[in-house]
Amino acid sequence: MYYADGTQLYPLVDDVEAMDVIKEALVPCLKKLVKGMLTNDYKEYAQEFYNVFVPIYEDMALDVNGEVSDGSHPEYTIYNCNIPKKTSDYNEYDYRFWYDWRISPMVAADELKEWIDMVLEATGEKKVNLMGRCYGANVVAAYLAKYEDHALETVDDVAYLSSSVIGLDMLTALFTGNIRLDGDAIDNFLNYYMDKENLIEDAELNLFLVTALALFREIKTLDLTGAALELLISRLKSDLIPPLLRDTFGSMPSYWSMVNPESYEQAREFVFADCKDTYAKLIEKTDDFHYNVQADVEEKMLGFDEKGIDFYILVKYNFPDYPIYAGAACLGDGNTSCVRQAFGGEYADYGTVFSQDYIDSLEDTTYLSADLKINAATCLFPETTWFIKNMHHDIFPDSINRLAMDVMNNEAVVSDGRYPAFTEFVDNRLIPVETTDEDAVPEQKNILKLILDFFKSLIEVMKKLFNGEIALS
């Protein structure tokens, strides 16, 4: 994204360092927070937090009508990008649809319709395949709903990759204020980023914190901490969250389209409770997508399927989600739960596998993954839903783009065996999932051993502290 004068707006320029912002804001914010806890009035804290956070993102925000009013724009649009004139050997990036990701998907759908016509003219083809990734799936869904006749005439297949069509739970928690700090989810999140992502460079300090988490988890300390934080959040959220959202991401209809449909009206009331008239045009835009697309999107998909447009769903999994909503211990791609990406299905929680009782209860294991984490039998389209393990939401490598193109071009289904339903992302390629994760099998915790390990690691950390050897990354 760029300012009207052509300088870069987003991604944020290098001189905006997150840790520097946090360090500068920590002391004043904490002072206001402590005052709020003593007086049970958090307005000053909310204002202090607002003063720190909003200036970072406010230039990206849209106006009160949910429209671009300052001339900011994406680098490319359908009017200034290259349209290759080809008749074969199509690449997934040949005809990428460029658009402003802040605007309403209903407006982007107008441009998508025009772009499809431009591509068909450039290629001489009669139909296109559409691949929608994350919010891109919402744009595709808006186009299908708004221009059904055009779609039936010009679209062959649709692929959704890490779709947010029926919402993102983490985003919905923020937009509704329903923050829930689940102990299991906190444990999953912290353990993953400390143990697997080496967030802390020092081995002894990392071991100490991992061990402490395991011990605290076992004695339910994380649940107690979560309950205390939830109480604090419940007292300050109304002063804090709505103003932040209205002046940043909540001004963008795109983000509203990713609120879970069952929570949309609650979110709208939470964010705009005392200013509905001011934001009436923005609300009109968000209502348009919710009521005319998202509210019955699965029925619409089934209807298009019956009329000849096949849907191919690609789902990523095996990353912990942000632990800020009830059920965040679910299986997902670090941003979107599997059940929402796949439009259904049954899943073991992150870091676990299905119980033997559950497996024994299944009459049909056709759609059961070899790692015992997924049963896709109840997905909306089980025969055209593929799962990719260890691929995070934020990455879309060539391998998954190519898989989406191949299954559409070859009209593949899971049962024909040409493309395994469950694959794993390893060294930038996809290989079949064949075994259960060793760390997903529940182990019996020995509380005495946990305590001993905790104190042994504590002693090592204390030694390093005294010697000034500990380093954090």
Protein backbone atom coordinates (compact mmCIF):
# COMPACT_ATOMS: atom_id res chain seq x y z
CA MET A 1 0.00 0.00 0.00
CA TYR A 2 1.19 3.50 -0.82
CA TYR A 3 0.37 7.07 0.16
CA ALA A 4 -1.04 9.38 -2.49
CA ASP A 5 2.49 10.76 -3.07
CA GLY A 6 3.84 7.28 -3.83
CA THR A 7 5.75 6.62 -0.60
CA GLN A 8 5.21 3.27 1.08
CA LEU A 9 2.40 2.97 3.60
CA TYR A 10 2.29 -0.79 4.23
CA PRO A 11 4.13 -2.99 5.09
CA LEU A 12 5.34 -0.61 7.76
CA VAL A 13 8.70 0.94 7.03
CA ASP A 14 11.79 -0.40 8.81
CA ASP A 15 12.01 2.42 11.35
CA VAL A 16 8.81 1.17 13.03
CA GLU A 17 10.20 -1.50 15.35
CA ALA A 18 7.58 -3.32 17.43
CA MET A 19 9.86 -3.89 20.42
CA ASP A 20 10.91 -0.22 20.49
CA VAL A 21 7.26 0.81 20.57
CA ILE A 22 6.56 -1.65 23.38
CA LYS A 23 9.54 -0.51 25.45
CA GLU A 24 8.63 3.15 25.07
CA ALA A 25 4.99 2.54 25.98
CA LEU A 26 5.46 0.04 28.78
CA VAL A 27 6.02 2.35 31.75
CA PRO A 28 3.32 4.97 31.02
CA CYS A 29 0.78 2.27 30.13
CA LEU A 30 1.53 0.28 33.28
CA LYS A 31 1.19 3.37 35.44
CA LYS A 32 -2.27 4.07 34.02
CA LEU A 33 -3.20 0.39 34.32
CA VAL A 34 -2.27 0.28 38.01
CA LYS A 35 -4.25 3.46 38.61
CA GLY A 36 -7.22 1.89 36.86
CA MET A 37 -6.97 -1.23 39.02
CA LEU A 38 -6.99 0.93 42.16
CA THR A 39 -9.88 3.15 41.06
CA ASN A 40 -11.77 0.63 38.88
CA ASP A 41 -11.73 3.28 36.13
CA TYR A 42 -9.70 2.33 33.08
CA LYS A 43 -10.43 5.27 30.81
CA GLU A 44 -6.98 6.83 31.27
CA TYR A 45 -5.28 3.50 30.54
CA ALA A 46 -7.42 2.99 27.45
CA GLN A 47 -6.47 6.46 26.21
CA GLU A 48 -2.77 5.83 26.86
CA PHE A 49 -2.90 2.54 24.97
CA TYR A 50 -4.81 4.23 22.16
CA ASN A 51 -2.14 6.94 21.93
CA VAL A 52 0.55 4.28 21.45
CA PHE A 53 -1.19 1.86 19.11
CA VAL A 54 -3.36 3.93 16.79
CA PRO A 55 -0.65 6.22 15.32
CA ILE A 56 1.15 3.14 13.96
CA TYR A 57 -1.83 2.03 11.86
CA GLU A 58 -4.12 5.04 11.50
CA ASP A 59 -2.78 6.03 8.08
CA MET A 60 -4.03 2.70 6.70
CA ALA A 61 -7.50 3.26 8.13
CA LEU A 62 -10.48 4.13 5.94
CA ASP A 63 -12.92 6.94 6.66
CA VAL A 64 -16.14 6.64 8.68
CA ASN A 65 -17.90 5.41 5.53
CA GLY A 66 -15.47 2.55 5.08
CA GLU A 67 -13.98 4.16 1.96
CA VAL A 68 -10.55 5.38 0.87
CA SER A 69 -10.56 9.15 1.16
CA ASP A 70 -6.87 10.08 1.36
CA GLY A 71 -5.64 8.79 -1.98
CA SER A 72 -3.74 5.82 -0.54
CA HIS A 73 -3.70 2.86 -2.88
CA PRO A 74 -2.23 -0.56 -3.65
CA GLU A 75 0.86 -0.73 -5.86
CA TYR A 76 -1.07 -2.63 -8.53
CA THR A 77 -4.67 -2.63 -9.70
CA ILE A 78 -6.33 -4.45 -12.59
CA TYR A 79 -5.74 -1.33 -14.67
CA ASN A 80 -1.96 -0.99 -14.29
CA CYS A 81 -0.74 -4.61 -14.08
CA ASN A 82 0.42 -6.77 -16.95
CA ILE A 83 -2.11 -9.04 -18.68
CA PRO A 84 -0.13 -11.73 -20.55
CA LYS A 85 -1.71 -12.82 -23.82
CA LYS A 86 -1.28 -16.60 -23.55
CA THR A 87 -3.17 -19.65 -24.73
CA SER A 88 -1.38 -22.40 -22.74
CA ASP A 89 1.16 -23.14 -19.98
CA TYR A 90 -0.63 -20.93 -17.50
CA ASN A 91 1.20 -20.11 -14.28
CA GLU A 92 -0.59 -19.37 -11.02
CA TYR A 93 0.80 -15.82 -11.04
CA ASP A 94 0.02 -14.95 -14.66
CA TYR A 95 -3.39 -13.51 -13.86
CA ARG A 96 -3.21 -12.52 -10.22
CA PHE A 97 -6.12 -10.29 -9.24
CA TRP A 98 -4.78 -7.14 -7.56
CA TYR A 99 -7.07 -5.11 -5.32
CA ASP A 100 -7.14 -2.93 -2.22
CA TRP A 101 -7.42 -5.43 0.63
CA ARG A 102 -9.05 -2.86 2.93
CA ILE A 103 -12.22 -2.29 0.94
CA SER A 104 -15.50 -4.18 1.03
CA PRO A 105 -15.36 -7.58 -0.68
CA MET A 106 -18.58 -6.53 -2.43
CA VAL A 107 -16.70 -3.67 -4.11
CA ALA A 108 -13.69 -5.88 -4.89
CA ALA A 109 -16.17 -8.31 -6.48
CA ASP A 110 -17.07 -5.65 -9.06
CA GLU A 111 -13.42 -5.42 -10.08
CA LEU A 112 -13.03 -9.21 -10.06
CA LYS A 113 -15.91 -9.53 -12.53
CA GLU A 114 -14.20 -7.03 -14.82
CA TRP A 115 -10.84 -8.78 -14.40
CA ILE A 116 -12.30 -12.17 -15.38
CA ASP A 117 -13.57 -10.64 -18.60
CA MET A 118 -10.15 -9.10 -19.26
CA VAL A 119 -8.40 -12.43 -18.71
CA LEU A 120 -10.79 -14.34 -20.96
CA GLU A 121 -10.22 -11.78 -23.70
CA ALA A 122 -6.42 -12.06 -23.30
CA THR A 123 -6.42 -15.87 -23.40
CA GLY A 124 -9.30 -16.68 -25.72
CA GLU A 125 -10.57 -19.16 -23.12
CA LYS A 126 -14.24 -19.55 -22.29
CA LYS A 127 -13.85 -20.07 -18.52
CA VAL A 128 -11.43 -19.45 -15.66
CA ASN A 129 -10.56 -21.21 -12.43
CA LEU A 130 -10.55 -19.00 -9.34
CA MET A 131 -8.15 -19.46 -6.42
CA GLY A 132 -8.99 -17.45 -3.29
CA ARG A 133 -6.46 -17.32 -0.45
CA CYS A 134 -7.45 -16.17 3.07
CA TYR A 135 -9.46 -12.94 2.55
CA GLY A 136 -9.26 -13.58 -1.18
CA ALA A 137 -11.79 -16.37 -0.62
CA ASN A 138 -14.19 -13.77 0.79
CA VAL A 139 -13.81 -11.71 -2.37
CA VAL A 140 -14.53 -14.78 -4.51
CA ALA A 141 -17.58 -15.61 -2.36
CA ALA A 142 -18.84 -12.03 -2.77
CA TYR A 143 -18.40 -12.24 -6.54
CA LEU A 144 -20.26 -15.57 -6.76
CA ALA A 145 -23.17 -14.22 -4.72
CA LYS A 146 -23.35 -10.87 -6.50
CA TYR A 147 -22.82 -12.07 -10.05
CA GLU A 148 -24.22 -15.60 -10.16
CA ASP A 149 -25.16 -15.55 -13.83
CA HIS A 150 -21.76 -14.19 -14.86
CA ALA A 151 -20.02 -16.81 -12.69
CA LEU A 152 -21.99 -19.71 -14.14
CA GLU A 153 -21.02 -18.52 -17.61
CA THR A 154 -17.33 -17.79 -16.98
CA VAL A 155 -16.12 -19.87 -13.97
CA ASP A 156 -15.24 -23.56 -14.10
CA ASP A 157 -13.83 -24.34 -10.61
CA VAL A 158 -13.10 -22.51 -7.35
CA ALA A 159 -10.32 -23.29 -4.87
CA TYR A 160 -10.26 -21.85 -1.36
CA LEU A 161 -6.90 -21.87 0.46
CA SER A 162 -6.95 -21.17 4.23
CA SER A 163 -10.32 -19.57 3.70
CA SER A 164 -11.72 -16.92 6.05
CA VAL A 165 -15.18 -17.00 4.44
CA ILE A 166 -16.85 -18.19 7.64
CA GLY A 167 -14.60 -16.24 9.93
CA LEU A 168 -11.47 -16.08 12.03
CA ASP A 169 -12.02 -16.90 15.70
CA MET A 170 -9.12 -14.77 16.94
CA LEU A 171 -10.31 -11.70 15.04
CA THR A 172 -13.90 -12.33 16.17
CA ALA A 173 -12.81 -12.38 19.82
CA LEU A 174 -11.37 -8.88 19.41
CA PHE A 175 -14.34 -7.51 17.46
CA THR A 176 -16.85 -8.83 20.02
CA GLY A 177 -14.73 -8.26 23.13
CA ASN A 178 -15.21 -11.93 24.05
CA ILE A 179 -11.64 -12.49 25.20
CA ARG A 180 -11.15 -15.88 26.82
CA LEU A 181 -7.73 -17.03 28.04
CA ASP A 182 -7.84 -20.81 27.91
CA GLY A 183 -5.01 -22.48 29.86
CA ASP A 184 -4.47 -25.25 27.32
CA ALA A 185 -4.28 -22.75 24.46
CA ILE A 186 -1.83 -20.52 26.36
CA ASP A 187 0.29 -23.56 27.11
CA ASN A 188 0.25 -24.65 23.45
CA PHE A 189 1.12 -21.19 22.18
CA LEU A 190 3.97 -20.47 24.58
CA ASN A 191 5.46 -23.93 24.34
CA TYR A 192 5.44 -23.84 20.55
CA TYR A 193 7.16 -20.47 20.25
CA MET A 194 9.71 -21.23 22.97
CA ASP A 195 10.37 -24.88 22.20
CA LYS A 196 9.96 -25.13 18.42
CA GLU A 197 10.66 -21.59 17.28
CA ASN A 198 13.58 -20.92 19.67
CA LEU A 199 12.14 -17.59 20.72
CA ILE A 200 14.68 -17.50 23.56
CA GLU A 201 18.25 -18.11 22.43
CA ASP A 202 19.73 -19.13 25.76
CA ALA A 203 19.27 -22.90 26.12
CA GLU A 204 19.15 -22.97 29.93
CA LEU A 205 16.66 -20.10 30.17
CA ASN A 206 14.54 -21.68 27.45
CA LEU A 207 14.59 -25.02 29.30
CA PHE A 208 13.65 -23.29 32.56
CA LEU A 209 10.64 -21.56 31.04
CA VAL A 210 9.47 -24.68 29.19
CA THR A 211 9.79 -26.68 32.42
CA ALA A 212 8.00 -23.98 34.40
CA LEU A 213 5.15 -23.99 31.90
CA ALA A 214 4.80 -27.76 32.18
CA LEU A 215 4.70 -27.52 35.97
CA PHE A 216 2.28 -24.59 36.01
CA ARG A 217 0.08 -26.39 33.51
CA GLU A 218 -0.04 -29.45 35.73
CA ILE A 219 -1.02 -27.49 38.84
CA LYS A 220 -3.47 -25.34 36.82
CA THR A 221 -1.61 -22.07 37.41
CA LEU A 222 -2.20 -20.96 33.84
CA ASP A 223 -5.95 -21.35 34.31
CA LEU A 224 -5.80 -19.16 37.43
CA THR A 225 -3.71 -16.55 35.62
CA GLY A 226 -6.08 -16.63 32.67
CA ALA A 227 -9.10 -16.14 34.93
CA ALA A 228 -7.48 -13.13 36.60
CA LEU A 229 -6.58 -11.57 33.25
CA GLU A 230 -10.07 -12.22 31.87
CA LEU A 231 -11.53 -10.36 34.84
CA LEU A 232 -9.24 -7.42 34.14
CA ILE A 233 -10.07 -7.44 30.42
CA SER A 234 -13.80 -7.58 31.12
CA ARG A 235 -13.50 -4.35 33.10
CA LEU A 236 -11.51 -2.35 30.57
CA LYS A 237 -12.47 -3.81 27.16
CA SER A 238 -15.34 -1.43 26.42
CA ASP A 239 -13.13 1.62 26.93
CA LEU A 240 -10.17 0.08 25.11
CA ILE A 241 -11.14 -2.07 22.13
CA PRO A 242 -13.93 -0.22 20.20
CA PRO A 243 -12.01 3.09 19.80
CA LEU A 244 -8.90 1.19 18.74
CA LEU A 245 -10.78 -0.77 16.09
CA ARG A 246 -12.83 2.14 14.75
CA ASP A 247 -9.67 4.11 13.99
CA THR A 248 -7.65 1.21 12.55
CA PHE A 249 -8.73 -2.18 11.25
CA GLY A 250 -12.37 -1.86 12.26
CA SER A 251 -12.72 0.92 9.68
CA MET A 252 -12.06 -1.65 6.94
CA PRO A 253 -15.02 -3.68 5.60
CA SER A 254 -12.54 -6.42 4.70
CA TYR A 255 -11.86 -7.21 8.36
CA TRP A 256 -15.56 -7.22 9.15
CA SER A 257 -16.06 -9.87 6.48
CA MET A 258 -13.79 -12.15 8.53
CA VAL A 259 -15.90 -11.95 11.70
CA ASN A 260 -17.63 -15.26 12.42
CA PRO A 261 -21.16 -15.04 10.98
CA GLU A 262 -22.82 -16.21 14.21
CA SER A 263 -21.08 -13.37 16.10
CA TYR A 264 -21.37 -10.57 13.53
CA GLU A 265 -24.32 -8.74 15.07
CA GLN A 266 -22.75 -8.91 18.52
CA ALA A 267 -19.50 -7.49 17.10
CA ARG A 268 -21.33 -4.67 15.33
CA GLU A 269 -23.08 -3.72 18.57
CA PHE A 270 -19.84 -3.88 20.60
CA VAL A 271 -17.80 -1.69 18.24
CA PHE A 272 -20.49 0.81 17.19
CA ALA A 273 -22.80 0.82 20.22
CA ASP A 274 -22.75 4.59 20.78
CA CYS A 275 -21.91 5.82 17.28
CA LYS A 276 -24.08 3.94 14.79
CA ASP A 277 -25.18 7.14 13.01
CA THR A 278 -21.60 8.27 12.44
CA TYR A 279 -20.63 4.91 10.93
CA ALA A 280 -23.92 4.19 9.18
CA LYS A 281 -22.36 3.89 5.69
CA LEU A 282 -19.63 1.58 6.96
CA ILE A 283 -22.21 -0.57 8.74
CA GLU A 284 -24.25 -0.69 5.55
CA LYS A 285 -21.22 -2.14 3.75
CA THR A 286 -20.48 -4.74 6.43
CA ASP A 287 -24.17 -5.71 6.60
CA ASP A 288 -24.19 -6.21 2.84
CA PHE A 289 -21.54 -8.93 2.94
CA HIS A 290 -22.84 -10.57 6.09
CA TYR A 291 -26.51 -10.85 5.11
CA ASN A 292 -26.12 -11.35 1.36
CA VAL A 293 -23.05 -13.61 1.30
CA GLN A 294 -21.76 -14.99 4.55
CA ALA A 295 -24.98 -15.81 6.39
CA ASP A 296 -25.81 -18.66 3.99
CA VAL A 297 -22.51 -19.11 2.17
CA GLU A 298 -22.46 -22.90 2.54
CA GLU A 299 -25.91 -23.21 0.95
CA LYS A 300 -24.72 -20.96 -1.87
CA MET A 301 -21.65 -23.17 -2.39
CA LEU A 302 -23.81 -26.29 -2.58
CA GLY A 303 -26.07 -24.53 -5.05
CA PHE A 304 -23.17 -23.60 -7.32
CA ASP A 305 -21.83 -27.14 -7.02
CA GLU A 306 -25.14 -28.48 -8.33
CA LYS A 307 -24.99 -26.02 -11.23
CA GLY A 308 -21.51 -27.06 -12.33
CA ILE A 309 -18.97 -25.01 -10.37
CA ASP A 310 -16.85 -27.42 -8.31
CA PHE A 311 -15.22 -26.31 -5.06
CA TYR A 312 -11.75 -27.46 -3.98
CA ILE A 313 -10.87 -26.73 -0.36
CA LEU A 314 -7.26 -26.69 0.87
CA VAL A 315 -6.73 -26.58 4.63
CA LYS A 316 -3.49 -25.96 6.55
CA TYR A 317 -2.91 -27.30 10.05
CA ASN A 318 -0.66 -28.12 13.01
CA PHE A 319 0.04 -24.68 14.46
CA PRO A 320 -1.32 -23.22 17.73
CA ASP A 321 -3.72 -20.30 17.45
CA TYR A 322 -3.57 -17.09 19.49
CA PRO A 323 -4.96 -18.06 22.92
CA ILE A 324 -7.55 -15.30 23.24
CA TYR A 325 -10.84 -17.11 22.57
CA ALA A 326 -12.73 -20.07 23.94
CA GLY A 327 -11.64 -23.15 22.03
CA ALA A 328 -8.28 -21.72 20.93
CA ALA A 329 -6.65 -25.07 21.73
CA CYS A 330 -8.19 -26.30 18.47
CA LEU A 331 -6.30 -27.56 15.43
CA GLY A 332 -5.54 -24.87 12.88
CA ASP A 333 -2.91 -23.03 10.86
CA GLY A 334 -1.91 -20.46 13.48
CA ASN A 335 -4.59 -18.05 12.35
CA THR A 336 -7.67 -19.99 11.24
CA SER A 337 -9.18 -23.12 12.73
CA CYS A 338 -9.46 -26.22 10.56
CA VAL A 339 -13.21 -26.49 11.10
CA ARG A 340 -13.73 -23.03 9.57
CA GLN A 341 -11.21 -23.46 6.76
CA ALA A 342 -12.74 -26.82 5.79
CA PHE A 343 -16.40 -25.87 6.27
CA GLY A 344 -16.86 -28.66 8.81
CA GLY A 345 -15.06 -31.83 9.84
CA GLU A 346 -13.95 -33.17 13.22
CA TYR A 347 -10.53 -32.53 14.73
CA ALA A 348 -8.40 -33.45 17.72
CA ASP A 349 -7.12 -30.46 19.67
CA TYR A 350 -3.68 -29.11 18.80
CA GLY A 351 -0.92 -31.37 20.08
CA THR A 352 -3.24 -34.35 20.60
CA VAL A 353 -4.76 -37.19 18.60
CA PHE A 354 -8.22 -38.72 18.59
CA SER A 355 -8.94 -41.08 21.48
CA GLN A 356 -9.14 -44.78 20.80
CA ASP A 357 -12.79 -44.71 21.85
CA TYR A 358 -13.53 -42.11 19.17
CA ILE A 359 -11.69 -44.09 16.51
CA ASP A 360 -13.49 -47.31 17.51
CA SER A 361 -16.84 -45.51 17.20
CA LEU A 362 -16.28 -44.72 13.51
CA GLU A 363 -18.07 -46.96 11.07
CA ASP A 364 -16.14 -45.46 8.15
CA THR A 365 -12.50 -44.30 8.39
CA THR A 366 -12.19 -43.27 4.74
CA TYR A 367 -11.54 -39.64 5.64
CA LEU A 368 -9.48 -40.26 8.81
CA SER A 369 -5.92 -38.89 8.64
CA ALA A 370 -2.99 -41.20 9.30
CA ASP A 371 -1.81 -38.93 12.12
CA LEU A 372 -5.22 -39.39 13.81
CA LYS A 373 -5.91 -35.67 14.05
CA ILE A 374 -8.58 -35.17 11.37
CA ASN A 375 -11.81 -36.82 10.29
CA ALA A 376 -13.00 -35.01 7.17
CA ALA A 377 -16.17 -37.08 6.71
CA THR A 378 -18.45 -34.20 7.76
CA CYS A 379 -16.74 -31.49 5.69
CA LEU A 380 -19.00 -29.69 3.22
CA PHE A 381 -17.09 -31.30 0.33
CA PRO A 382 -15.15 -34.26 1.79
CA GLU A 383 -14.23 -35.59 -1.66
CA THR A 384 -12.58 -32.32 -2.68
CA THR A 385 -11.00 -31.19 0.58
CA TRP A 386 -7.25 -31.55 1.08
CA PHE A 387 -5.21 -30.98 4.25
CA ILE A 388 -1.59 -29.78 4.39
CA LYS A 389 0.27 -30.34 7.65
CA ASN A 390 2.93 -27.98 9.05
CA MET A 391 2.12 -25.14 6.67
CA HIS A 392 1.38 -21.87 8.46
CA HIS A 393 -1.46 -19.59 7.42
CA ASP A 394 0.90 -16.81 6.40
CA ILE A 395 2.83 -18.76 3.78
CA PHE A 396 1.57 -19.75 0.34
CA PRO A 397 4.50 -21.54 -1.34
CA ASP A 398 4.44 -22.70 -4.93
CA SER A 399 3.69 -26.25 -3.80
CA ILE A 400 0.25 -25.39 -2.41
CA ASN A 401 -0.57 -23.03 -5.28
CA ARG A 402 0.37 -25.77 -7.73
CA LEU A 403 -1.69 -28.35 -5.82
CA ALA A 404 -4.73 -26.09 -6.03
CA MET A 405 -4.26 -25.64 -9.77
CA ASP A 406 -3.63 -29.34 -10.38
CA VAL A 407 -6.69 -30.65 -8.51
CA MET A 408 -8.89 -28.17 -10.35
CA ASN A 409 -7.39 -28.79 -13.79
CA ASN A 410 -7.57 -32.57 -13.33
CA GLU A 411 -11.01 -32.58 -11.65
CA ALA A 412 -9.49 -34.66 -8.86
CA VAL A 413 -11.33 -36.18 -5.92
CA VAL A 414 -9.84 -37.58 -2.75
CA SER A 415 -11.01 -41.13 -3.40
CA ASP A 416 -9.26 -41.46 -6.77
CA GLY A 417 -5.87 -41.41 -5.02
CA ARG A 418 -4.12 -39.11 -7.45
CA TYR A 419 -3.57 -36.45 -4.79
CA PRO A 420 -3.40 -37.72 -1.17
CA ALA A 421 -5.98 -36.07 1.06
CA PHE A 422 -3.43 -35.55 3.85
CA THR A 423 0.03 -34.27 3.01
CA GLU A 424 2.85 -32.69 4.98
CA PHE A 425 4.94 -29.66 4.02
CA VAL A 426 8.60 -30.75 4.19
CA ASP A 427 11.51 -28.96 2.50
CA ASN A 428 9.14 -26.94 0.31
CA ARG A 429 7.37 -30.03 -1.03
CA LEU A 430 4.33 -32.06 -0.08
CA ILE A 431 4.64 -35.68 1.04
CA PRO A 432 1.88 -38.00 2.31
CA VAL A 433 1.12 -38.00 6.03
CA GLU A 434 1.80 -41.55 7.18
CA THR A 435 2.35 -41.69 10.93
CA THR A 436 1.16 -40.26 14.23
CA ASP A 437 3.25 -37.52 15.84
CA GLU A 438 5.18 -38.88 18.79
CA ASP A 439 4.53 -35.74 20.82
CA ALA A 440 0.78 -35.95 20.17
CA VAL A 441 0.33 -39.14 22.18
CA PRO A 442 -0.67 -38.15 25.72
CA GLU A 443 1.99 -39.05 28.27
CA GLN A 444 1.56 -39.61 31.97
CA LYS A 445 2.91 -36.61 33.85
CA ASN A 446 5.04 -37.24 36.95
CA ILE A 447 4.48 -34.22 39.17
CA LEU A 448 7.55 -34.99 41.33
CA LYS A 449 9.78 -35.21 38.26
CA LEU A 450 8.36 -31.93 36.96
CA ILE A 451 9.19 -30.21 40.24
CA LEU A 452 12.74 -31.62 40.23
CA ASP A 453 13.28 -30.60 36.60
CA PHE A 454 11.96 -27.14 37.38
CA PHE A 455 14.40 -26.56 40.24
CA LYS A 456 17.35 -28.06 38.34
CA SER A 457 16.74 -25.69 35.44
CA LEU A 458 16.18 -22.79 37.88
CA ILE A 459 19.64 -23.38 39.41
CA GLU A 460 21.24 -23.28 35.95
CA VAL A 461 19.44 -20.04 35.12
CA MET A 462 20.48 -18.44 38.42
CA LYS A 463 24.11 -19.31 37.69
CA LYS A 464 23.87 -17.62 34.32
CA LEU A 465 22.16 -14.59 35.81
CA PHE A 466 24.97 -14.10 38.32
CA ASN A 467 27.54 -14.43 35.50
CA GLY A 468 25.62 -12.07 33.19
CA GLU A 469 25.45 -14.70 30.46
CA ILE A 470 21.71 -14.78 29.64
CA ALA A 471 20.64 -13.30 26.32
CA LEU A 472 17.10 -12.86 24.99
CA SER A 473 16.30 -12.56 21.29
